[in-house]
Amino acid sequence: MSIVEKAAVGLVIALGAVTCLRLISAPLKLALRVLGNAAVGFAALWLLQRTAHYTGITLGLNLFNTLTVGVLGLPGLGLLVLLQWVLT
């Protein structure tokens, strides 16, 4: 195999690697963003549980509530509190 063929094979491999990384990066960024938001939602619900004695507001610390608060933010927390108020 000549040097030109080796360079062509290397170039094809490099372009394939760059293409794969670009295809994977968008879903990976989305997954990391959702994971980070879920962590923030978990922290918010945990703090709400710690202050439940003073505020009287209690919400379960589960995956659904965590993702709701993580994705929707403060409106999601308000939605969960309103939903609990309506259902009880």
PDB file of N, CA and C in Angstrom:
ATOM      1  N   MET A   1       0.851  -1.166   0.000  1.00  0.00           N
ATOM      2  CA  MET A   1       0.000   0.000   0.000  1.00  0.00           C
ATOM      3  C   MET A   1       0.901   1.234   0.000  1.00  0.00           C
ATOM      4  N   SER A   2       0.607   2.131  -0.914  1.00  0.00           N
ATOM      5  CA  SER A   2       1.436   3.328  -1.033  1.00  0.00           C
ATOM      6  C   SER A   2       1.016   4.375  -0.008  1.00  0.00           C
ATOM      7  N   ILE A   3       1.813   5.412   0.089  1.00  0.00           N
ATOM      8  CA  ILE A   3       1.551   6.485   1.041  1.00  0.00           C
ATOM      9  C   ILE A   3       0.259   7.227   0.705  1.00  0.00           C
ATOM     10  N   VAL A   4      -0.063   7.336  -0.582  1.00  0.00           N
ATOM     11  CA  VAL A   4      -1.277   8.019  -1.003  1.00  0.00           C
ATOM     12  C   VAL A   4      -2.509   7.210  -0.567  1.00  0.00           C
ATOM     13  N   GLU A   5      -2.450   5.900  -0.705  1.00  0.00           N
ATOM     14  CA  GLU A   5      -3.559   5.053  -0.292  1.00  0.00           C
ATOM     15  C   GLU A   5      -3.746   5.099   1.228  1.00  0.00           C
ATOM     16  N   LYS A   6      -2.639   5.098   1.953  1.00  0.00           N
ATOM     17  CA  LYS A   6      -2.712   5.186   3.419  1.00  0.00           C
ATOM     18  C   LYS A   6      -3.325   6.525   3.852  1.00  0.00           C
ATOM     19  N   ALA A   7      -2.943   7.596   3.161  1.00  0.00           N
ATOM     20  CA  ALA A   7      -3.498   8.911   3.487  1.00  0.00           C
ATOM     21  C   ALA A   7      -4.992   8.959   3.170  1.00  0.00           C
ATOM     22  N   ALA A   8      -5.401   8.342   2.068  1.00  0.00           N
ATOM     23  CA  ALA A   8      -6.813   8.325   1.698  1.00  0.00           C
ATOM     24  C   ALA A   8      -7.629   7.527   2.714  1.00  0.00           C
ATOM     25  N   VAL A   9      -7.115   6.387   3.143  1.00  0.00           N
ATOM     26  CA  VAL A   9      -7.803   5.576   4.142  1.00  0.00           C
ATOM     27  C   VAL A   9      -7.897   6.352   5.461  1.00  0.00           C
ATOM     28  N   GLY A  10      -6.824   7.008   5.858  1.00  0.00           N
ATOM     29  CA  GLY A  10      -6.830   7.809   7.077  1.00  0.00           C
ATOM     30  C   GLY A  10      -7.832   8.951   7.004  1.00  0.00           C
ATOM     31  N   LEU A  11      -7.925   9.590   5.843  1.00  0.00           N
ATOM     32  CA  LEU A  11      -8.867  10.682   5.657  1.00  0.00           C
ATOM     33  C   LEU A  11     -10.307  10.183   5.728  1.00  0.00           C
ATOM     34  N   VAL A  12     -10.586   9.037   5.132  1.00  0.00           N
ATOM     35  CA  VAL A  12     -11.931   8.465   5.175  1.00  0.00           C
ATOM     36  C   VAL A  12     -12.299   8.100   6.615  1.00  0.00           C
ATOM     37  N   ILE A  13     -11.355   7.519   7.358  1.00  0.00           N
ATOM     38  CA  ILE A  13     -11.616   7.160   8.755  1.00  0.00           C
ATOM     39  C   ILE A  13     -11.854   8.411   9.590  1.00  0.00           C
ATOM     40  N   ALA A  14     -11.059   9.448   9.374  1.00  0.00           N
ATOM     41  CA  ALA A  14     -11.230  10.693  10.124  1.00  0.00           C
ATOM     42  C   ALA A  14     -12.572  11.345   9.820  1.00  0.00           C
ATOM     43  N   LEU A  15     -12.972  11.394   8.560  1.00  0.00           N
ATOM     44  CA  LEU A  15     -14.274  11.962   8.204  1.00  0.00           C
ATOM     45  C   LEU A  15     -15.423  11.141   8.773  1.00  0.00           C
ATOM     46  N   GLY A  16     -15.281   9.822   8.787  1.00  0.00           N
ATOM     47  CA  GLY A  16     -16.304   8.966   9.384  1.00  0.00           C
ATOM     48  C   GLY A  16     -16.435   9.204  10.876  1.00  0.00           C
ATOM     49  N   ALA A  17     -15.306   9.378  11.556  1.00  0.00           N
ATOM     50  CA  ALA A  17     -15.331   9.637  12.997  1.00  0.00           C
ATOM     51  C   ALA A  17     -15.991  10.980  13.292  1.00  0.00           C
ATOM     52  N   VAL A  18     -15.674  12.012  12.515  1.00  0.00           N
ATOM     53  CA  VAL A  18     -16.275  13.328  12.717  1.00  0.00           C
ATOM     54  C   VAL A  18     -17.775  13.268  12.463  1.00  0.00           C
ATOM     55  N   THR A  19     -18.193  12.553  11.448  1.00  0.00           N
ATOM     56  CA  THR A  19     -19.613  12.411  11.144  1.00  0.00           C
ATOM     57  C   THR A  19     -20.348  11.700  12.277  1.00  0.00           C
ATOM     58  N   CYS A  20     -19.769  10.640  12.798  1.00  0.00           N
ATOM     59  CA  CYS A  20     -20.398   9.915  13.915  1.00  0.00           C
ATOM     60  C   CYS A  20     -20.505  10.801  15.147  1.00  0.00           C
ATOM     61  N   LEU A  21     -19.481  11.555  15.449  1.00  0.00           N
ATOM     62  CA  LEU A  21     -19.520  12.444  16.606  1.00  0.00           C
ATOM     63  C   LEU A  21     -20.589  13.520  16.457  1.00  0.00           C
ATOM     64  N   ARG A  22     -20.738  14.050  15.271  1.00  0.00           N
ATOM     65  CA  ARG A  22     -21.762  15.081  15.048  1.00  0.00           C
ATOM     66  C   ARG A  22     -23.165  14.501  15.158  1.00  0.00           C
ATOM     67  N   LEU A  23     -23.349  13.252  14.714  1.00  0.00           N
ATOM     68  CA  LEU A  23     -24.666  12.622  14.804  1.00  0.00           C
ATOM     69  C   LEU A  23     -25.027  12.293  16.252  1.00  0.00           C
ATOM     70  N   ILE A  24     -24.045  11.960  17.066  1.00  0.00           N
ATOM     71  CA  ILE A  24     -24.286  11.573  18.450  1.00  0.00           C
ATOM     72  C   ILE A  24     -24.364  12.781  19.369  1.00  0.00           C
ATOM     73  N   SER A  25     -23.746  13.896  19.009  1.00  0.00           N
ATOM     74  CA  SER A  25     -23.639  15.029  19.932  1.00  0.00           C
ATOM     75  C   SER A  25     -24.988  15.677  20.258  1.00  0.00           C
ATOM     76  N   ALA A  26     -25.894  15.787  19.310  1.00  0.00           N
ATOM     77  CA  ALA A  26     -27.182  16.440  19.573  1.00  0.00           C
ATOM     78  C   ALA A  26     -28.030  15.650  20.577  1.00  0.00           C
ATOM     79  N   PRO A  27     -28.237  14.348  20.392  1.00  0.00           N
ATOM     80  CA  PRO A  27     -29.011  13.613  21.401  1.00  0.00           C
ATOM     81  C   PRO A  27     -28.299  13.555  22.757  1.00  0.00           C
ATOM     82  N   LEU A  28     -26.973  13.519  22.731  1.00  0.00           N
ATOM     83  CA  LEU A  28     -26.223  13.491  23.984  1.00  0.00           C
ATOM     84  C   LEU A  28     -26.381  14.800  24.748  1.00  0.00           C
ATOM     85  N   LYS A  29     -26.365  15.916  24.044  1.00  0.00           N
ATOM     86  CA  LYS A  29     -26.584  17.211  24.693  1.00  0.00           C
ATOM     87  C   LYS A  29     -27.979  17.284  25.300  1.00  0.00           C
ATOM     88  N   LEU A  30     -28.967  16.791  24.581  1.00  0.00           N
ATOM     89  CA  LEU A  30     -30.345  16.793  25.087  1.00  0.00           C
ATOM     90  C   LEU A  30     -30.468  15.911  26.329  1.00  0.00           C
ATOM     91  N   ALA A  31     -29.854  14.738  26.287  1.00  0.00           N
ATOM     92  CA  ALA A  31     -29.921  13.831  27.434  1.00  0.00           C
ATOM     93  C   ALA A  31     -29.232  14.447  28.649  1.00  0.00           C
ATOM     94  N   LEU A  32     -28.098  15.091  28.452  1.00  0.00           N
ATOM     95  CA  LEU A  32     -27.402  15.728  29.568  1.00  0.00           C
ATOM     96  C   LEU A  32     -28.188  16.910  30.115  1.00  0.00           C
ATOM     97  N   ARG A  33     -28.856  17.649  29.257  1.00  0.00           N
ATOM     98  CA  ARG A  33     -29.679  18.774  29.707  1.00  0.00           C
ATOM     99  C   ARG A  33     -30.860  18.281  30.547  1.00  0.00           C
ATOM    100  N   VAL A  34     -31.522  17.217  30.106  1.00  0.00           N
ATOM    101  CA  VAL A  34     -32.639  16.656  30.862  1.00  0.00           C
ATOM    102  C   VAL A  34     -32.144  16.102  32.199  1.00  0.00           C
ATOM    103  N   LEU A  35     -30.984  15.460  32.198  1.00  0.00           N
ATOM    104  CA  LEU A  35     -30.421  14.934  33.437  1.00  0.00           C
ATOM    105  C   LEU A  35     -30.076  16.061  34.414  1.00  0.00           C
ATOM    106  N   GLY A  36     -29.511  17.137  33.917  1.00  0.00           N
ATOM    107  CA  GLY A  36     -29.201  18.283  34.774  1.00  0.00           C
ATOM    108  C   GLY A  36     -30.451  18.935  35.328  1.00  0.00           C
ATOM    109  N   ASN A  37     -31.462  19.090  34.487  1.00  0.00           N
ATOM    110  CA  ASN A  37     -32.730  19.667  34.951  1.00  0.00           C
ATOM    111  C   ASN A  37     -33.412  18.763  35.970  1.00  0.00           C
ATOM    112  N   ALA A  38     -33.301  17.454  35.776  1.00  0.00           N
ATOM    113  CA  ALA A  38     -33.878  16.531  36.747  1.00  0.00           C
ATOM    114  C   ALA A  38     -33.161  16.640  38.092  1.00  0.00           C
ATOM    115  N   ALA A  39     -31.859  16.852  38.069  1.00  0.00           N
ATOM    116  CA  ALA A  39     -31.113  17.028  39.322  1.00  0.00           C
ATOM    117  C   ALA A  39     -31.560  18.300  40.041  1.00  0.00           C
ATOM    118  N   VAL A  40     -31.778  19.364  39.285  1.00  0.00           N
ATOM    119  CA  VAL A  40     -32.267  20.611  39.890  1.00  0.00           C
ATOM    120  C   VAL A  40     -33.685  20.411  40.436  1.00  0.00           C
ATOM    121  N   GLY A  41     -34.526  19.699  39.717  1.00  0.00           N
ATOM    122  CA  GLY A  41     -35.874  19.399  40.194  1.00  0.00           C
ATOM    123  C   GLY A  41     -35.855  18.557  41.454  1.00  0.00           C
ATOM    124  N   PHE A  42     -34.949  17.593  41.513  1.00  0.00           N
ATOM    125  CA  PHE A  42     -34.810  16.776  42.713  1.00  0.00           C
ATOM    126  C   PHE A  42     -34.406  17.628  43.904  1.00  0.00           C
ATOM    127  N   ALA A  43     -33.456  18.533  43.687  1.00  0.00           N
ATOM    128  CA  ALA A  43     -33.016  19.417  44.772  1.00  0.00           C
ATOM    129  C   ALA A  43     -34.159  20.320  45.246  1.00  0.00           C
ATOM    130  N   ALA A  44     -34.958  20.825  44.308  1.00  0.00           N
ATOM    131  CA  ALA A  44     -36.078  21.688  44.685  1.00  0.00           C
ATOM    132  C   ALA A  44     -37.113  20.910  45.493  1.00  0.00           C
ATOM    133  N   LEU A  45     -37.418  19.697  45.080  1.00  0.00           N
ATOM    134  CA  LEU A  45     -38.379  18.895  45.827  1.00  0.00           C
ATOM    135  C   LEU A  45     -37.836  18.485  47.188  1.00  0.00           C
ATOM    136  N   TRP A  46     -36.553  18.222  47.252  1.00  0.00           N
ATOM    137  CA  TRP A  46     -35.933  17.869  48.530  1.00  0.00           C
ATOM    138  C   TRP A  46     -36.014  19.049  49.497  1.00  0.00           C
ATOM    139  N   LEU A  47     -35.727  20.253  49.003  1.00  0.00           N
ATOM    140  CA  LEU A  47     -35.839  21.436  49.852  1.00  0.00           C
ATOM    141  C   LEU A  47     -37.287  21.677  50.281  1.00  0.00           C
ATOM    142  N   LEU A  48     -38.224  21.420  49.383  1.00  0.00           N
ATOM    143  CA  LEU A  48     -39.632  21.562  49.732  1.00  0.00           C
ATOM    144  C   LEU A  48     -40.029  20.573  50.823  1.00  0.00           C
ATOM    145  N   GLN A  49     -39.506  19.345  50.747  1.00  0.00           N
ATOM    146  CA  GLN A  49     -39.778  18.357  51.783  1.00  0.00           C
ATOM    147  C   GLN A  49     -39.196  18.795  53.126  1.00  0.00           C
ATOM    148  N   ARG A  50     -38.027  19.410  53.109  1.00  0.00           N
ATOM    149  CA  ARG A  50     -37.383  19.850  54.345  1.00  0.00           C
ATOM    150  C   ARG A  50     -38.124  21.019  54.995  1.00  0.00           C
ATOM    151  N   THR A  51     -38.823  21.810  54.202  1.00  0.00           N
ATOM    152  CA  THR A  51     -39.559  22.951  54.750  1.00  0.00           C
ATOM    153  C   THR A  51     -41.046  22.656  54.895  1.00  0.00           C
ATOM    154  N   ALA A  52     -41.458  21.409  54.714  1.00  0.00           N
ATOM    155  CA  ALA A  52     -42.878  21.045  54.777  1.00  0.00           C
ATOM    156  C   ALA A  52     -43.468  21.298  56.158  1.00  0.00           C
ATOM    157  N   HIS A  53     -42.660  21.188  57.184  1.00  0.00           N
ATOM    158  CA  HIS A  53     -43.149  21.435  58.542  1.00  0.00           C
ATOM    159  C   HIS A  53     -43.608  22.886  58.711  1.00  0.00           C
ATOM    160  N   TYR A  54     -42.930  23.801  58.033  1.00  0.00           N
ATOM    161  CA  TYR A  54     -43.254  25.225  58.145  1.00  0.00           C
ATOM    162  C   TYR A  54     -44.311  25.675  57.136  1.00  0.00           C
ATOM    163  N   THR A  55     -44.246  25.112  55.930  1.00  0.00           N
ATOM    164  CA  THR A  55     -45.142  25.569  54.866  1.00  0.00           C
ATOM    165  C   THR A  55     -46.419  24.757  54.756  1.00  0.00           C
ATOM    166  N   GLY A  56     -46.382  23.510  55.159  1.00  0.00           N
ATOM    167  CA  GLY A  56     -47.542  22.641  55.026  1.00  0.00           C
ATOM    168  C   GLY A  56     -47.688  22.036  53.638  1.00  0.00           C
ATOM    169  N   ILE A  57     -46.733  22.297  52.758  1.00  0.00           N
ATOM    170  CA  ILE A  57     -46.770  21.764  51.396  1.00  0.00           C
ATOM    171  C   ILE A  57     -45.880  20.528  51.344  1.00  0.00           C
ATOM    172  N   THR A  58     -46.472  19.398  50.988  1.00  0.00           N
ATOM    173  CA  THR A  58     -45.695  18.171  50.851  1.00  0.00           C
ATOM    174  C   THR A  58     -45.958  17.576  49.481  1.00  0.00           C
ATOM    175  N   LEU A  59     -44.897  17.216  48.820  1.00  0.00           N
ATOM    176  CA  LEU A  59     -44.977  16.516  47.534  1.00  0.00           C
ATOM    177  C   LEU A  59     -44.062  15.305  47.620  1.00  0.00           C
ATOM    178  N   GLY A  60     -44.439  14.241  46.961  1.00  0.00           N
ATOM    179  CA  GLY A  60     -43.611  13.051  46.948  1.00  0.00           C
ATOM    180  C   GLY A  60     -42.320  13.291  46.175  1.00  0.00           C
ATOM    181  N   LEU A  61     -41.283  12.658  46.634  1.00  0.00           N
ATOM    182  CA  LEU A  61     -39.980  12.768  45.981  1.00  0.00           C
ATOM    183  C   LEU A  61     -39.815  11.545  45.088  1.00  0.00           C
ATOM    184  N   ASN A  62     -40.376  11.619  43.875  1.00  0.00           N
ATOM    185  CA  ASN A  62     -40.313  10.493  42.948  1.00  0.00           C
ATOM    186  C   ASN A  62     -39.877  10.984  41.563  1.00  0.00           C
ATOM    187  N   LEU A  63     -39.724  10.048  40.654  1.00  0.00           N
ATOM    188  CA  LEU A  63     -39.205  10.372  39.325  1.00  0.00           C
ATOM    189  C   LEU A  63     -40.149  11.285  38.549  1.00  0.00           C
ATOM    190  N   PHE A  64     -41.449  11.048  38.617  1.00  0.00           N
ATOM    191  CA  PHE A  64     -42.402  11.879  37.884  1.00  0.00           C
ATOM    192  C   PHE A  64     -42.352  13.325  38.355  1.00  0.00           C
ATOM    193  N   ASN A  65     -42.410  13.525  39.669  1.00  0.00           N
ATOM    194  CA  ASN A  65     -42.365  14.882  40.206  1.00  0.00           C
ATOM    195  C   ASN A  65     -41.027  15.552  39.898  1.00  0.00           C
ATOM    196  N   THR A  66     -39.951  14.791  40.004  1.00  0.00           N
ATOM    197  CA  THR A  66     -38.624  15.335  39.727  1.00  0.00           C
ATOM    198  C   THR A  66     -38.510  15.804  38.286  1.00  0.00           C
ATOM    199  N   LEU A  67     -38.953  14.993  37.345  1.00  0.00           N
ATOM    200  CA  LEU A  67     -38.876  15.387  35.936  1.00  0.00           C
ATOM    201  C   LEU A  67     -39.835  16.537  35.624  1.00  0.00           C
ATOM    202  N   THR A  68     -40.996  16.551  36.258  1.00  0.00           N
ATOM    203  CA  THR A  68     -41.941  17.650  36.031  1.00  0.00           C
ATOM    204  C   THR A  68     -41.348  18.974  36.481  1.00  0.00           C
ATOM    205  N   VAL A  69     -40.797  18.999  37.682  1.00  0.00           N
ATOM    206  CA  VAL A  69     -40.196  20.236  38.192  1.00  0.00           C
ATOM    207  C   VAL A  69     -38.920  20.559  37.414  1.00  0.00           C
ATOM    208  N   GLY A  70     -38.158  19.538  37.048  1.00  0.00           N
ATOM    209  CA  GLY A  70     -36.914  19.775  36.312  1.00  0.00           C
ATOM    210  C   GLY A  70     -37.144  20.340  34.928  1.00  0.00           C
ATOM    211  N   VAL A  71     -38.139  19.834  34.230  1.00  0.00           N
ATOM    212  CA  VAL A  71     -38.386  20.282  32.852  1.00  0.00           C
ATOM    213  C   VAL A  71     -39.182  21.586  32.829  1.00  0.00           C
ATOM    214  N   LEU A  72     -40.216  21.688  33.653  1.00  0.00           N
ATOM    215  CA  LEU A  72     -41.081  22.874  33.614  1.00  0.00           C
ATOM    216  C   LEU A  72     -40.626  23.992  34.545  1.00  0.00           C
ATOM    217  N   GLY A  73     -39.781  23.677  35.517  1.00  0.00           N
ATOM    218  CA  GLY A  73     -39.268  24.692  36.427  1.00  0.00           C
ATOM    219  C   GLY A  73     -40.293  25.072  37.479  1.00  0.00           C
ATOM    220  N   LEU A  74     -40.314  26.342  37.847  1.00  0.00           N
ATOM    221  CA  LEU A  74     -41.226  26.839  38.882  1.00  0.00           C
ATOM    222  C   LEU A  74     -42.699  26.647  38.496  1.00  0.00           C
ATOM    223  N   PRO A  75     -43.093  26.848  37.240  1.00  0.00           N
ATOM    224  CA  PRO A  75     -44.484  26.542  36.892  1.00  0.00           C
ATOM    225  C   PRO A  75     -44.833  25.065  37.096  1.00  0.00           C
ATOM    226  N   GLY A  76     -43.864  24.188  36.885  1.00  0.00           N
ATOM    227  CA  GLY A  76     -44.103  22.767  37.139  1.00  0.00           C
ATOM    228  C   GLY A  76     -44.330  22.483  38.606  1.00  0.00           C
ATOM    229  N   LEU A  77     -43.585  23.156  39.470  1.00  0.00           N
ATOM    230  CA  LEU A  77     -43.789  23.013  40.910  1.00  0.00           C
ATOM    231  C   LEU A  77     -45.170  23.531  41.300  1.00  0.00           C
ATOM    232  N   GLY A  78     -45.553  24.667  40.750  1.00  0.00           N
ATOM    233  CA  GLY A  78     -46.890  25.196  41.003  1.00  0.00           C
ATOM    234  C   GLY A  78     -47.971  24.264  40.494  1.00  0.00           C
ATOM    235  N   LEU A  79     -47.744  23.659  39.353  1.00  0.00           N
ATOM    236  CA  LEU A  79     -48.704  22.709  38.799  1.00  0.00           C
ATOM    237  C   LEU A  79     -48.880  21.505  39.713  1.00  0.00           C
ATOM    238  N   LEU A  80     -47.783  20.979  40.235  1.00  0.00           N
ATOM    239  CA  LEU A  80     -47.878  19.827  41.135  1.00  0.00           C
ATOM    240  C   LEU A  80     -48.580  20.187  42.439  1.00  0.00           C
ATOM    241  N   VAL A  81     -48.287  21.357  42.974  1.00  0.00           N
ATOM    242  CA  VAL A  81     -48.950  21.798  44.208  1.00  0.00           C
ATOM    243  C   VAL A  81     -50.440  21.998  43.954  1.00  0.00           C
ATOM    244  N   LEU A  82     -50.789  22.621  42.846  1.00  0.00           N
ATOM    245  CA  LEU A  82     -52.203  22.816  42.495  1.00  0.00           C
ATOM    246  C   LEU A  82     -52.894  21.475  42.278  1.00  0.00           C
ATOM    247  N   LEU A  83     -52.230  20.549  41.619  1.00  0.00           N
ATOM    248  CA  LEU A  83     -52.815  19.236  41.382  1.00  0.00           C
ATOM    249  C   LEU A  83     -53.052  18.493  42.690  1.00  0.00           C
ATOM    250  N   GLN A  84     -52.103  18.610  43.613  1.00  0.00           N
ATOM    251  CA  GLN A  84     -52.284  17.983  44.923  1.00  0.00           C
ATOM    252  C   GLN A  84     -53.437  18.637  45.673  1.00  0.00           C
ATOM    253  N   TRP A  85     -53.556  19.928  45.593  1.00  0.00           N
ATOM    254  CA  TRP A  85     -54.612  20.651  46.285  1.00  0.00           C
ATOM    255  C   TRP A  85     -55.992  20.261  45.743  1.00  0.00           C
ATOM    256  N   VAL A  86     -56.082  20.113  44.413  1.00  0.00           N
ATOM    257  CA  VAL A  86     -57.357  19.752  43.786  1.00  0.00           C
ATOM    258  C   VAL A  86     -57.739  18.321  44.116  1.00  0.00           C
ATOM    259  N   LEU A  87     -56.773  17.405  44.130  1.00  0.00           N
ATOM    260  CA  LEU A  87     -57.074  16.002  44.319  1.00  0.00           C
ATOM    261  C   LEU A  87     -57.288  15.607  45.788  1.00  0.00           C
ATOM    262  N   THR A  88     -56.880  16.465  46.723  1.00  0.00           N
ATOM    263  CA  THR A  88     -57.072  16.087  48.137  1.00  0.00           C
ATOM    264  C   THR A  88     -58.164  16.888  48.771  1.00  0.00           C
TER     265      THR A  88
END
